[in-house]
PDB file of N, CA and C in Angstrom:
ATOM      1  N   MET A   1     191.900  72.069  86.656  1.00  0.00           N
ATOM      2  CA  MET A   1     190.631  71.410  87.360  1.00  0.00           C
ATOM      3  C   MET A   1     191.727  70.207  87.165  1.00  0.00           C
ATOM      4  N   GLY A   2     191.313  69.357  88.337  1.00  0.00           N
ATOM      5  CA  GLY A   2     191.705  67.961  88.830  1.00  0.00           C
ATOM      6  C   GLY A   2     190.966  67.347  87.826  1.00  0.00           C
ATOM      7  N   LEU A   3     190.972  65.941  88.285  1.00  0.00           N
ATOM      8  CA  LEU A   3     190.489  64.680  87.756  1.00  0.00           C
ATOM      9  C   LEU A   3     188.753  64.242  88.308  1.00  0.00           C
ATOM     10  N   THR A   4     187.689  64.284  87.645  1.00  0.00           N
ATOM     11  CA  THR A   4     186.818  63.717  88.137  1.00  0.00           C
ATOM     12  C   THR A   4     186.517  62.371  88.043  1.00  0.00           C
ATOM     13  N   TYR A   5     186.069  61.629  88.945  1.00  0.00           N
ATOM     14  CA  TYR A   5     185.463  60.280  89.177  1.00  0.00           C
ATOM     15  C   TYR A   5     184.006  60.791  89.942  1.00  0.00           C
ATOM     16  N   VAL A   6     183.086  59.558  88.800  1.00  0.00           N
ATOM     17  CA  VAL A   6     181.567  59.268  89.506  1.00  0.00           C
ATOM     18  C   VAL A   6     181.657  57.822  89.668  1.00  0.00           C
ATOM     19  N   LYS A   7     180.693  57.564  90.751  1.00  0.00           N
ATOM     20  CA  LYS A   7     180.337  56.416  90.766  1.00  0.00           C
ATOM     21  C   LYS A   7     179.046  56.246  89.946  1.00  0.00           C
ATOM     22  N   ILE A   8     178.488  55.175  88.694  1.00  0.00           N
ATOM     23  CA  ILE A   8     177.495  54.741  88.564  1.00  0.00           C
ATOM     24  C   ILE A   8     176.953  53.939  88.175  1.00  0.00           C
ATOM     25  N   ILE A   9     175.836  53.444  88.269  1.00  0.00           N
ATOM     26  CA  ILE A   9     175.172  52.302  88.023  1.00  0.00           C
ATOM     27  C   ILE A   9     175.146  51.699  86.488  1.00  0.00           C
ATOM     28  N   ILE A  10     175.520  50.461  86.473  1.00  0.00           N
ATOM     29  CA  ILE A  10     175.981  49.864  84.995  1.00  0.00           C
ATOM     30  C   ILE A  10     174.623  48.927  84.717  1.00  0.00           C
ATOM     31  N   GLU A  11     173.471  48.996  84.026  1.00  0.00           N
ATOM     32  CA  GLU A  11     172.523  47.775  83.913  1.00  0.00           C
ATOM     33  C   GLU A  11     172.293  47.718  82.636  1.00  0.00           C
ATOM     34  N   ASN A  12     171.931  45.747  82.819  1.00  0.00           N
ATOM     35  CA  ASN A  12     171.676  45.491  81.425  1.00  0.00           C
ATOM     36  C   ASN A  12     170.351  45.968  81.841  1.00  0.00           C
ATOM     37  N   PRO A  13     169.670  46.320  80.228  1.00  0.00           N
ATOM     38  CA  PRO A  13     168.276  46.895  80.565  1.00  0.00           C
ATOM     39  C   PRO A  13     167.341  45.893  80.239  1.00  0.00           C
ATOM     40  N   ILE A  14     167.294  44.748  79.717  1.00  0.00           N
ATOM     41  CA  ILE A  14     166.705  43.301  79.217  1.00  0.00           C
ATOM     42  C   ILE A  14     166.720  42.525  80.735  1.00  0.00           C
ATOM     43  N   LYS A  15     167.738  42.203  81.516  1.00  0.00           N
ATOM     44  CA  LYS A  15     167.751  41.261  82.671  1.00  0.00           C
ATOM     45  C   LYS A  15     167.468  42.423  83.758  1.00  0.00           C
ATOM     46  N   LEU A  16     167.872  43.409  83.637  1.00  0.00           N
ATOM     47  CA  LEU A  16     167.510  44.322  84.801  1.00  0.00           C
ATOM     48  C   LEU A  16     168.743  43.986  86.196  1.00  0.00           C
ATOM     49  N   LEU A  17     169.903  43.347  85.546  1.00  0.00           N
ATOM     50  CA  LEU A  17     171.044  43.100  86.518  1.00  0.00           C
ATOM     51  C   LEU A  17     171.738  44.264  86.574  1.00  0.00           C
ATOM     52  N   ARG A  18     172.264  44.526  87.624  1.00  0.00           N
ATOM     53  CA  ARG A  18     173.189  45.705  87.732  1.00  0.00           C
ATOM     54  C   ARG A  18     174.355  46.149  88.668  1.00  0.00           C
ATOM     55  N   GLU A  19     175.681  46.724  88.391  1.00  0.00           N
ATOM     56  CA  GLU A  19     176.619  47.049  89.003  1.00  0.00           C
ATOM     57  C   GLU A  19     177.320  48.347  89.263  1.00  0.00           C
ATOM     58  N   GLU A  20     177.356  48.599  90.187  1.00  0.00           N
ATOM     59  CA  GLU A  20     177.911  49.873  90.786  1.00  0.00           C
ATOM     60  C   GLU A  20     179.678  50.270  90.409  1.00  0.00           C
ATOM     61  N   VAL A  21     179.640  51.152  89.447  1.00  0.00           N
ATOM     62  CA  VAL A  21     181.372  51.263  89.149  1.00  0.00           C
ATOM     63  C   VAL A  21     181.791  52.770  89.057  1.00  0.00           C
ATOM     64  N   GLU A  22     183.033  52.655  89.534  1.00  0.00           N
ATOM     65  CA  GLU A  22     183.742  54.026  89.645  1.00  0.00           C
ATOM     66  C   GLU A  22     184.282  54.497  88.263  1.00  0.00           C
ATOM     67  N   LEU A  23     184.159  55.596  87.481  1.00  0.00           N
ATOM     68  CA  LEU A  23     184.656  55.941  86.399  1.00  0.00           C
ATOM     69  C   LEU A  23     185.244  57.621  86.205  1.00  0.00           C
ATOM     70  N   LEU A  24     186.055  57.483  85.541  1.00  0.00           N
ATOM     71  CA  LEU A  24     186.866  58.790  85.186  1.00  0.00           C
ATOM     72  C   LEU A  24     186.439  59.323  84.536  1.00  0.00           C
ATOM     73  N   VAL A  25     185.579  60.717  84.383  1.00  0.00           N
ATOM     74  CA  VAL A  25     184.685  61.461  83.627  1.00  0.00           C
ATOM     75  C   VAL A  25     185.692  62.014  82.648  1.00  0.00           C
ATOM     76  N   ASP A  26     185.366  61.505  81.269  1.00  0.00           N
ATOM     77  CA  ASP A  26     186.582  61.810  80.145  1.00  0.00           C
ATOM     78  C   ASP A  26     185.710  62.306  79.077  1.00  0.00           C
ATOM     79  N   THR A  27     185.853  63.758  78.766  1.00  0.00           N
ATOM     80  CA  THR A  27     184.958  64.523  77.814  1.00  0.00           C
ATOM     81  C   THR A  27     185.339  64.303  76.786  1.00  0.00           C
ATOM     82  N   GLY A  28     186.524  64.049  76.364  1.00  0.00           N
ATOM     83  CA  GLY A  28     187.466  63.313  75.313  1.00  0.00           C
ATOM     84  C   GLY A  28     187.070  62.156  74.544  1.00  0.00           C
ATOM     85  N   ALA A  29     186.842  61.176  75.137  1.00  0.00           N
ATOM     86  CA  ALA A  29     185.856  60.061  74.533  1.00  0.00           C
ATOM     87  C   ALA A  29     184.730  60.314  74.899  1.00  0.00           C
ATOM     88  N   THR A  30     184.061  59.745  73.337  1.00  0.00           N
ATOM     89  CA  THR A  30     182.775  59.766  72.906  1.00  0.00           C
ATOM     90  C   THR A  30     181.961  58.546  73.920  1.00  0.00           C
ATOM     91  N   LEU A  31     182.039  57.437  74.211  1.00  0.00           N
ATOM     92  CA  LEU A  31     181.650  55.937  74.560  1.00  0.00           C
ATOM     93  C   LEU A  31     182.127  56.227  76.149  1.00  0.00           C
ATOM     94  N   PRO A  32     181.195  55.414  76.882  1.00  0.00           N
ATOM     95  CA  PRO A  32     181.736  54.897  78.080  1.00  0.00           C
ATOM     96  C   PRO A  32     182.446  53.393  77.847  1.00  0.00           C
ATOM     97  N   TRP A  33     183.875  53.645  78.684  1.00  0.00           N
ATOM     98  CA  TRP A  33     184.339  52.309  78.392  1.00  0.00           C
ATOM     99  C   TRP A  33     184.307  51.736  79.934  1.00  0.00           C
ATOM    100  N   ILE A  34     183.859  50.610  80.027  1.00  0.00           N
ATOM    101  CA  ILE A  34     183.400  49.797  81.111  1.00  0.00           C
ATOM    102  C   ILE A  34     184.134  48.437  80.970  1.00  0.00           C
ATOM    103  N   PRO A  35     184.644  47.909  82.025  1.00  0.00           N
ATOM    104  CA  PRO A  35     185.325  46.891  81.884  1.00  0.00           C
ATOM    105  C   PRO A  35     184.607  45.686  81.522  1.00  0.00           C
ATOM    106  N   LYS A  36     185.028  44.773  80.586  1.00  0.00           N
ATOM    107  CA  LYS A  36     184.440  43.864  80.023  1.00  0.00           C
ATOM    108  C   LYS A  36     183.917  42.752  80.713  1.00  0.00           C
ATOM    109  N   LYS A  37     184.566  42.498  82.175  1.00  0.00           N
ATOM    110  CA  LYS A  37     184.305  41.458  83.312  1.00  0.00           C
ATOM    111  C   LYS A  37     182.821  42.033  83.898  1.00  0.00           C
ATOM    112  N   ILE A  38     183.122  43.386  83.858  1.00  0.00           N
ATOM    113  CA  ILE A  38     181.943  43.640  84.825  1.00  0.00           C
ATOM    114  C   ILE A  38     180.468  43.602  83.714  1.00  0.00           C
ATOM    115  N   LEU A  39     180.428  44.254  82.601  1.00  0.00           N
ATOM    116  CA  LEU A  39     179.268  43.842  81.405  1.00  0.00           C
ATOM    117  C   LEU A  39     179.050  42.284  81.252  1.00  0.00           C
ATOM    118  N   GLU A  40     180.111  41.730  81.708  1.00  0.00           N
ATOM    119  CA  GLU A  40     179.783  40.385  81.144  1.00  0.00           C
ATOM    120  C   GLU A  40     178.617  39.780  82.792  1.00  0.00           C
ATOM    121  N   LYS A  41     179.390  39.990  84.230  1.00  0.00           N
ATOM    122  CA  LYS A  41     178.826  39.930  85.263  1.00  0.00           C
ATOM    123  C   LYS A  41     177.341  39.831  85.405  1.00  0.00           C
ATOM    124  N   ILE A  42     177.017  41.228  84.429  1.00  0.00           N
ATOM    125  CA  ILE A  42     175.649  41.582  84.333  1.00  0.00           C
ATOM    126  C   ILE A  42     174.622  40.975  83.036  1.00  0.00           C
ATOM    127  N   GLY A  43     175.511  40.207  82.331  1.00  0.00           N
ATOM    128  CA  GLY A  43     174.770  39.467  81.367  1.00  0.00           C
ATOM    129  C   GLY A  43     174.579  40.036  80.112  1.00  0.00           C
ATOM    130  N   LEU A  44     175.682  41.036  79.992  1.00  0.00           N
ATOM    131  CA  LEU A  44     175.699  41.973  78.764  1.00  0.00           C
ATOM    132  C   LEU A  44     176.590  40.794  77.540  1.00  0.00           C
ATOM    133  N   GLU A  45     176.234  41.052  76.554  1.00  0.00           N
ATOM    134  CA  GLU A  45     176.785  40.199  75.353  1.00  0.00           C
ATOM    135  C   GLU A  45     177.506  41.390  74.329  1.00  0.00           C
ATOM    136  N   PRO A  46     178.863  41.036  73.612  1.00  0.00           N
ATOM    137  CA  PRO A  46     178.919  41.628  72.663  1.00  0.00           C
ATOM    138  C   PRO A  46     177.715  41.922  71.376  1.00  0.00           C
ATOM    139  N   ILE A  47     177.584  43.288  70.927  1.00  0.00           N
ATOM    140  CA  ILE A  47     176.680  43.467  69.875  1.00  0.00           C
ATOM    141  C   ILE A  47     177.320  43.764  68.260  1.00  0.00           C
ATOM    142  N   GLY A  48     178.538  43.793  68.578  1.00  0.00           N
ATOM    143  CA  GLY A  48     179.292  43.957  67.104  1.00  0.00           C
ATOM    144  C   GLY A  48     180.816  45.024  68.133  1.00  0.00           C
ATOM    145  N   ARG A  49     181.639  45.247  66.978  1.00  0.00           N
ATOM    146  CA  ARG A  49     182.897  45.422  67.131  1.00  0.00           C
ATOM    147  C   ARG A  49     183.348  47.145  66.818  1.00  0.00           C
ATOM    148  N   LYS A  50     183.882  47.887  67.104  1.00  0.00           N
ATOM    149  CA  LYS A  50     184.087  49.302  66.448  1.00  0.00           C
ATOM    150  C   LYS A  50     185.607  49.358  66.414  1.00  0.00           C
ATOM    151  N   LYS A  51     186.091  50.574  65.468  1.00  0.00           N
ATOM    152  CA  LYS A  51     187.720  50.522  65.835  1.00  0.00           C
ATOM    153  C   LYS A  51     187.712  52.005  66.404  1.00  0.00           C
ATOM    154  N   PHE A  52     188.587  52.415  67.252  1.00  0.00           N
ATOM    155  CA  PHE A  52     188.840  53.417  67.826  1.00  0.00           C
ATOM    156  C   PHE A  52     190.045  53.965  67.780  1.00  0.00           C
ATOM    157  N   LYS A  53     190.296  55.309  67.831  1.00  0.00           N
ATOM    158  CA  LYS A  53     191.955  55.642  67.699  1.00  0.00           C
ATOM    159  C   LYS A  53     191.899  56.315  69.031  1.00  0.00           C
ATOM    160  N   THR A  54     193.287  55.799  69.114  1.00  0.00           N
ATOM    161  CA  THR A  54     194.356  56.115  70.822  1.00  0.00           C
ATOM    162  C   THR A  54     194.802  57.453  70.534  1.00  0.00           C
ATOM    163  N   ILE A  55     195.190  57.686  71.814  1.00  0.00           N
ATOM    164  CA  ILE A  55     195.739  59.449  71.883  1.00  0.00           C
ATOM    165  C   ILE A  55     196.823  59.203  71.083  1.00  0.00           C
ATOM    166  N   SER A  56     197.401  57.996  70.811  1.00  0.00           N
ATOM    167  CA  SER A  56     198.800  58.040  70.309  1.00  0.00           C
ATOM    168  C   SER A  56     198.698  57.844  68.847  1.00  0.00           C
ATOM    169  N   GLY A  57     197.353  57.531  68.184  1.00  0.00           N
ATOM    170  CA  GLY A  57     197.186  57.680  66.683  1.00  0.00           C
ATOM    171  C   GLY A  57     196.939  56.143  66.498  1.00  0.00           C
ATOM    172  N   GLU A  58     196.713  54.837  67.123  1.00  0.00           N
ATOM    173  CA  GLU A  58     196.814  53.791  67.058  1.00  0.00           C
ATOM    174  C   GLU A  58     195.488  53.476  66.986  1.00  0.00           C
ATOM    175  N   LEU A  59     195.254  52.320  65.952  1.00  0.00           N
ATOM    176  CA  LEU A  59     193.632  52.069  65.670  1.00  0.00           C
ATOM    177  C   LEU A  59     193.459  50.597  66.453  1.00  0.00           C
ATOM    178  N   ILE A  60     192.535  50.619  67.215  1.00  0.00           N
ATOM    179  CA  ILE A  60     192.438  49.584  68.424  1.00  0.00           C
ATOM    180  C   ILE A  60     190.913  48.873  67.636  1.00  0.00           C
ATOM    181  N   GLU A  61     190.289  47.848  68.115  1.00  0.00           N
ATOM    182  CA  GLU A  61     188.796  47.106  67.853  1.00  0.00           C
ATOM    183  C   GLU A  61     188.784  47.100  69.289  1.00  0.00           C
ATOM    184  N   ARG A  62     187.104  47.031  69.864  1.00  0.00           N
ATOM    185  CA  ARG A  62     186.638  46.482  70.900  1.00  0.00           C
ATOM    186  C   ARG A  62     185.462  46.277  71.061  1.00  0.00           C
ATOM    187  N   ASP A  63     184.780  45.217  71.046  1.00  0.00           N
ATOM    188  CA  ASP A  63     183.832  44.864  71.877  1.00  0.00           C
ATOM    189  C   ASP A  63     182.652  45.821  72.013  1.00  0.00           C
ATOM    190  N   VAL A  64     181.258  46.264  71.566  1.00  0.00           N
ATOM    191  CA  VAL A  64     180.366  47.082  72.265  1.00  0.00           C
ATOM    192  C   VAL A  64     179.174  46.572  72.518  1.00  0.00           C
ATOM    193  N   SER A  65     178.427  47.140  73.207  1.00  0.00           N
ATOM    194  CA  SER A  65     177.155  46.679  73.701  1.00  0.00           C
ATOM    195  C   SER A  65     176.493  47.590  73.833  1.00  0.00           C
ATOM    196  N   PHE A  66     175.171  47.373  74.488  1.00  0.00           N
ATOM    197  CA  PHE A  66     173.862  48.665  75.218  1.00  0.00           C
ATOM    198  C   PHE A  66     174.126  48.364  76.237  1.00  0.00           C
ATOM    199  N   ALA A  67     173.760  49.585  77.004  1.00  0.00           N
ATOM    200  CA  ALA A  67     173.813  49.195  78.588  1.00  0.00           C
ATOM    201  C   ALA A  67     172.817  50.531  79.209  1.00  0.00           C
ATOM    202  N   ARG A  68     172.327  50.572  80.007  1.00  0.00           N
ATOM    203  CA  ARG A  68     171.664  51.855  80.786  1.00  0.00           C
ATOM    204  C   ARG A  68     172.816  52.154  82.227  1.00  0.00           C
ATOM    205  N   VAL A  69     172.697  53.435  81.890  1.00  0.00           N
ATOM    206  CA  VAL A  69     173.706  54.103  82.761  1.00  0.00           C
ATOM    207  C   VAL A  69     172.633  55.212  83.593  1.00  0.00           C
ATOM    208  N   ARG A  70     172.969  54.954  85.021  1.00  0.00           N
ATOM    209  CA  ARG A  70     172.168  56.009  85.977  1.00  0.00           C
ATOM    210  C   ARG A  70     173.022  56.903  86.812  1.00  0.00           C
ATOM    211  N   TYR A  71     173.065  58.124  87.024  1.00  0.00           N
ATOM    212  CA  TYR A  71     174.181  58.680  87.814  1.00  0.00           C
ATOM    213  C   TYR A  71     172.936  59.685  88.648  1.00  0.00           C
ATOM    214  N   ARG A  72     172.983  59.409  90.006  1.00  0.00           N
ATOM    215  CA  ARG A  72     171.695  60.164  90.598  1.00  0.00           C
ATOM    216  C   ARG A  72     170.148  60.335  90.193  1.00  0.00           C
ATOM    217  N   GLU A  73     169.741  61.285  89.827  1.00  0.00           N
ATOM    218  CA  GLU A  73     168.381  60.738  89.747  1.00  0.00           C
ATOM    219  C   GLU A  73     168.188  60.613  87.853  1.00  0.00           C
ATOM    220  N   ALA A  74     169.247  60.577  87.285  1.00  0.00           N
ATOM    221  CA  ALA A  74     169.263  60.545  85.786  1.00  0.00           C
ATOM    222  C   ALA A  74     169.723  59.234  85.139  1.00  0.00           C
ATOM    223  N   GLU A  75     168.933  58.788  83.924  1.00  0.00           N
ATOM    224  CA  GLU A  75     169.488  57.564  83.290  1.00  0.00           C
ATOM    225  C   GLU A  75     169.284  57.676  81.749  1.00  0.00           C
ATOM    226  N   ALA A  76     170.006  56.974  80.998  1.00  0.00           N
ATOM    227  CA  ALA A  76     170.123  56.837  79.676  1.00  0.00           C
ATOM    228  C   ALA A  76     170.684  55.025  79.294  1.00  0.00           C
ATOM    229  N   ILE A  77     169.870  55.036  78.520  1.00  0.00           N
ATOM    230  CA  ILE A  77     170.666  53.837  77.750  1.00  0.00           C
ATOM    231  C   ILE A  77     171.573  54.491  76.525  1.00  0.00           C
ATOM    232  N   VAL A  78     172.664  53.825  76.728  1.00  0.00           N
ATOM    233  CA  VAL A  78     174.025  54.098  75.697  1.00  0.00           C
ATOM    234  C   VAL A  78     174.731  52.939  75.467  1.00  0.00           C
ATOM    235  N   GLU A  79     175.412  53.402  74.000  1.00  0.00           N
ATOM    236  CA  GLU A  79     176.321  52.316  73.616  1.00  0.00           C
ATOM    237  C   GLU A  79     177.561  52.116  74.591  1.00  0.00           C
ATOM    238  N   VAL A  80     177.991  51.478  74.886  1.00  0.00           N
ATOM    239  CA  VAL A  80     179.239  51.104  75.475  1.00  0.00           C
ATOM    240  C   VAL A  80     180.526  50.273  75.299  1.00  0.00           C
ATOM    241  N   VAL A  81     181.529  50.459  75.510  1.00  0.00           N
ATOM    242  CA  VAL A  81     182.379  49.856  74.948  1.00  0.00           C
ATOM    243  C   VAL A  81     182.895  48.837  75.850  1.00  0.00           C
ATOM    244  N   MET A  82     183.286  47.592  75.561  1.00  0.00           N
ATOM    245  CA  MET A  82     183.609  46.666  76.679  1.00  0.00           C
ATOM    246  C   MET A  82     185.185  46.566  76.853  1.00  0.00           C
ATOM    247  N   GLY A  83     185.473  47.361  77.582  1.00  0.00           N
ATOM    248  CA  GLY A  83     186.832  47.569  77.897  1.00  0.00           C
ATOM    249  C   GLY A  83     187.849  46.431  78.052  1.00  0.00           C
ATOM    250  N   GLU A  84     188.741  46.249  77.720  1.00  0.00           N
ATOM    251  CA  GLU A  84     190.138  44.837  77.755  1.00  0.00           C
ATOM    252  C   GLU A  84     191.097  45.525  78.666  1.00  0.00           C
ATOM    253  N   GLU A  85     191.397  44.439  79.375  1.00  0.00           N
ATOM    254  CA  GLU A  85     192.672  44.626  80.653  1.00  0.00           C
ATOM    255  C   GLU A  85     193.341  45.620  79.709  1.00  0.00           C
ATOM    256  N   GLY A  86     194.114  46.598  81.002  1.00  0.00           N
ATOM    257  CA  GLY A  86     194.612  47.817  80.527  1.00  0.00           C
ATOM    258  C   GLY A  86     193.831  48.848  79.558  1.00  0.00           C
ATOM    259  N   ASP A  87     192.642  49.281  79.514  1.00  0.00           N
ATOM    260  CA  ASP A  87     191.744  50.275  79.395  1.00  0.00           C
ATOM    261  C   ASP A  87     191.429  50.515  80.431  1.00  0.00           C
ATOM    262  N   SER A  88     191.175  51.897  80.567  1.00  0.00           N
ATOM    263  CA  SER A  88     190.694  52.822  81.350  1.00  0.00           C
ATOM    264  C   SER A  88     189.152  52.724  81.252  1.00  0.00           C
ATOM    265  N   ALA A  89     188.558  52.872  82.398  1.00  0.00           N
ATOM    266  CA  ALA A  89     187.132  52.744  82.654  1.00  0.00           C
ATOM    267  C   ALA A  89     187.000  54.267  82.813  1.00  0.00           C
ATOM    268  N   VAL A  90     185.918  54.465  81.739  1.00  0.00           N
ATOM    269  CA  VAL A  90     185.792  56.234  81.596  1.00  0.00           C
ATOM    270  C   VAL A  90     184.161  56.061  81.447  1.00  0.00           C
ATOM    271  N   LEU A  91     183.969  57.596  81.624  1.00  0.00           N
ATOM    272  CA  LEU A  91     182.393  58.117  81.322  1.00  0.00           C
ATOM    273  C   LEU A  91     182.431  58.789  80.081  1.00  0.00           C
ATOM    274  N   GLY A  92     182.387  58.839  79.206  1.00  0.00           N
ATOM    275  CA  GLY A  92     182.485  59.558  77.846  1.00  0.00           C
ATOM    276  C   GLY A  92     181.185  60.415  77.754  1.00  0.00           C
ATOM    277  N   VAL A  93     181.803  61.555  76.635  1.00  0.00           N
ATOM    278  CA  VAL A  93     180.269  62.471  76.675  1.00  0.00           C
ATOM    279  C   VAL A  93     179.073  62.164  76.355  1.00  0.00           C
ATOM    280  N   VAL A  94     178.957  61.000  75.492  1.00  0.00           N
ATOM    281  CA  VAL A  94     177.837  60.723  74.675  1.00  0.00           C
ATOM    282  C   VAL A  94     176.526  60.269  76.255  1.00  0.00           C
ATOM    283  N   ALA A  95     177.111  59.663  77.260  1.00  0.00           N
ATOM    284  CA  ALA A  95     176.555  59.168  78.162  1.00  0.00           C
ATOM    285  C   ALA A  95     176.298  60.630  79.208  1.00  0.00           C
ATOM    286  N   LEU A  96     177.102  61.332  79.511  1.00  0.00           N
ATOM    287  CA  LEU A  96     177.297  62.599  79.886  1.00  0.00           C
ATOM    288  C   LEU A  96     175.920  63.345  79.828  1.00  0.00           C
ATOM    289  N   GLU A  97     176.018  63.555  78.181  1.00  0.00           N
ATOM    290  CA  GLU A  97     174.852  64.411  77.602  1.00  0.00           C
ATOM    291  C   GLU A  97     173.516  64.010  77.260  1.00  0.00           C
ATOM    292  N   SER A  98     173.884  63.014  77.220  1.00  0.00           N
ATOM    293  CA  SER A  98     172.331  61.546  77.495  1.00  0.00           C
ATOM    294  C   SER A  98     171.451  61.746  78.928  1.00  0.00           C
ATOM    295  N   MET A  99     172.423  61.612  79.758  1.00  0.00           N
ATOM    296  CA  MET A  99     171.481  61.783  80.945  1.00  0.00           C
ATOM    297  C   MET A  99     171.411  63.328  81.459  1.00  0.00           C
ATOM    298  N   GLY A 100     172.054  64.478  80.673  1.00  0.00           N
ATOM    299  CA  GLY A 100     171.726  66.059  80.883  1.00  0.00           C
ATOM    300  C   GLY A 100     172.863  66.377  81.934  1.00  0.00           C
ATOM    301  N   TYR A 101     174.346  65.843  82.421  1.00  0.00           N
ATOM    302  CA  TYR A 101     174.828  66.069  82.812  1.00  0.00           C
ATOM    303  C   TYR A 101     176.491  67.131  82.264  1.00  0.00           C
ATOM    304  N   ARG A 102     177.054  68.154  82.665  1.00  0.00           N
ATOM    305  CA  ARG A 102     177.969  68.263  82.312  1.00  0.00           C
ATOM    306  C   ARG A 102     179.160  68.589  83.347  1.00  0.00           C
ATOM    307  N   VAL A 103     180.706  68.626  82.983  1.00  0.00           N
ATOM    308  CA  VAL A 103     181.473  68.880  83.989  1.00  0.00           C
ATOM    309  C   VAL A 103     181.317  70.326  84.232  1.00  0.00           C
ATOM    310  N   ASN A 104     181.416  71.010  85.292  1.00  0.00           N
ATOM    311  CA  ASN A 104     181.805  72.459  85.803  1.00  0.00           C
ATOM    312  C   ASN A 104     182.824  72.833  85.858  1.00  0.00           C
ATOM    313  N   PRO A 105     183.520  73.852  84.502  1.00  0.00           N
ATOM    314  CA  PRO A 105     185.226  73.600  84.634  1.00  0.00           C
ATOM    315  C   PRO A 105     185.613  74.444  85.766  1.00  0.00           C
ATOM    316  N   ILE A 106     184.902  74.993  86.514  1.00  0.00           N
ATOM    317  CA  ILE A 106     185.729  75.541  88.079  1.00  0.00           C
ATOM    318  C   ILE A 106     185.734  74.516  88.894  1.00  0.00           C
ATOM    319  N   THR A 107     184.437  73.962  89.267  1.00  0.00           N
ATOM    320  CA  THR A 107     184.282  72.775  90.509  1.00  0.00           C
ATOM    321  C   THR A 107     185.055  71.901  89.952  1.00  0.00           C
ATOM    322  N   GLY A 108     184.665  71.557  88.783  1.00  0.00           N
ATOM    323  CA  GLY A 108     185.558  69.614  88.616  1.00  0.00           C
ATOM    324  C   GLY A 108     183.981  69.028  88.834  1.00  0.00           C
ATOM    325  N   GLU A 109     183.571  69.356  89.261  1.00  0.00           N
ATOM    326  CA  GLU A 109     182.268  68.017  89.230  1.00  0.00           C
ATOM    327  C   GLU A 109     180.922  68.343  88.149  1.00  0.00           C
ATOM    328  N   LEU A 110     180.379  67.337  88.631  1.00  0.00           N
ATOM    329  CA  LEU A 110     179.046  67.105  87.485  1.00  0.00           C
ATOM    330  C   LEU A 110     178.110  68.101  88.270  1.00  0.00           C
ATOM    331  N   GLU A 111     177.175  68.629  86.666  1.00  0.00           N
ATOM    332  CA  GLU A 111     176.349  69.529  87.304  1.00  0.00           C
ATOM    333  C   GLU A 111     175.424  69.032  86.167  1.00  0.00           C
ATOM    334  N   TYR A 112     174.035  68.978  86.864  1.00  0.00           N
ATOM    335  CA  TYR A 112     172.624  68.789  85.937  1.00  0.00           C
ATOM    336  C   TYR A 112     172.488  70.142  85.111  1.00  0.00           C
ATOM    337  N   ILE A 113     172.272  69.516  83.651  1.00  0.00           N
ATOM    338  CA  ILE A 113     171.689  71.145  83.451  1.00  0.00           C
ATOM    339  C   ILE A 113     170.363  70.362  82.748  1.00  0.00           C
ATOM    340  N   GLY A 114     170.082  69.597  82.369  1.00  0.00           N
ATOM    341  CA  GLY A 114     169.179  68.998  81.321  1.00  0.00           C
ATOM    342  C   GLY A 114     169.078  68.690  80.329  1.00  0.00           C
ATOM    343  N   LEU A 115     168.055  67.903  79.791  1.00  0.00           N
ATOM    344  CA  LEU A 115     168.026  67.571  78.397  1.00  0.00           C
ATOM    345  C   LEU A 115     167.962  69.116  77.137  1.00  0.00           C
ATOM    346  N   LEU A 116     168.670  69.143  76.339  1.00  0.00           N
ATOM    347  CA  LEU A 116     168.602  70.212  75.211  1.00  0.00           C
ATOM    348  C   LEU A 116     167.829  69.667  74.105  1.00  0.00           C
ATOM    349  N   ALA A 117     167.094  70.729  73.659  1.00  0.00           N
ATOM    350  CA  ALA A 117     166.094  70.339  72.953  1.00  0.00           C
ATOM    351  C   ALA A 117     166.354  71.858  71.732  1.00  0.00           C
ATOM    352  N   LEU A 118     166.544  71.338  70.193  1.00  0.00           N
ATOM    353  CA  LEU A 118     166.803  72.567  69.173  1.00  0.00           C
ATOM    354  C   LEU A 118     165.311  73.039  68.671  1.00  0.00           C
TER     355      LEU A 118
END
């Protein structure tokens, strides 16, 4: 399976400003990482800071906020990491599952499976 990229709409849920952004789908990442410049452009401000462990084991800190993410017919408000220079722009598993999508391991495409209830 190769890399999966998707175009999503990232939106400020209060000001209703939005931008389209292309992200790498990364099911190993918990939260979406969106470049800070894009989030600031739509009027989002940090609401806090969190620590993250990189693949090399290093601890880093990044600002976080909340945004609405839209892909096709689905949308969800999720916590987003305000990526800094050099950070990858990725769509993590929380946003995928919150919108009802998963990566099909055979096609490498996103497929809508709906929201799951227990």
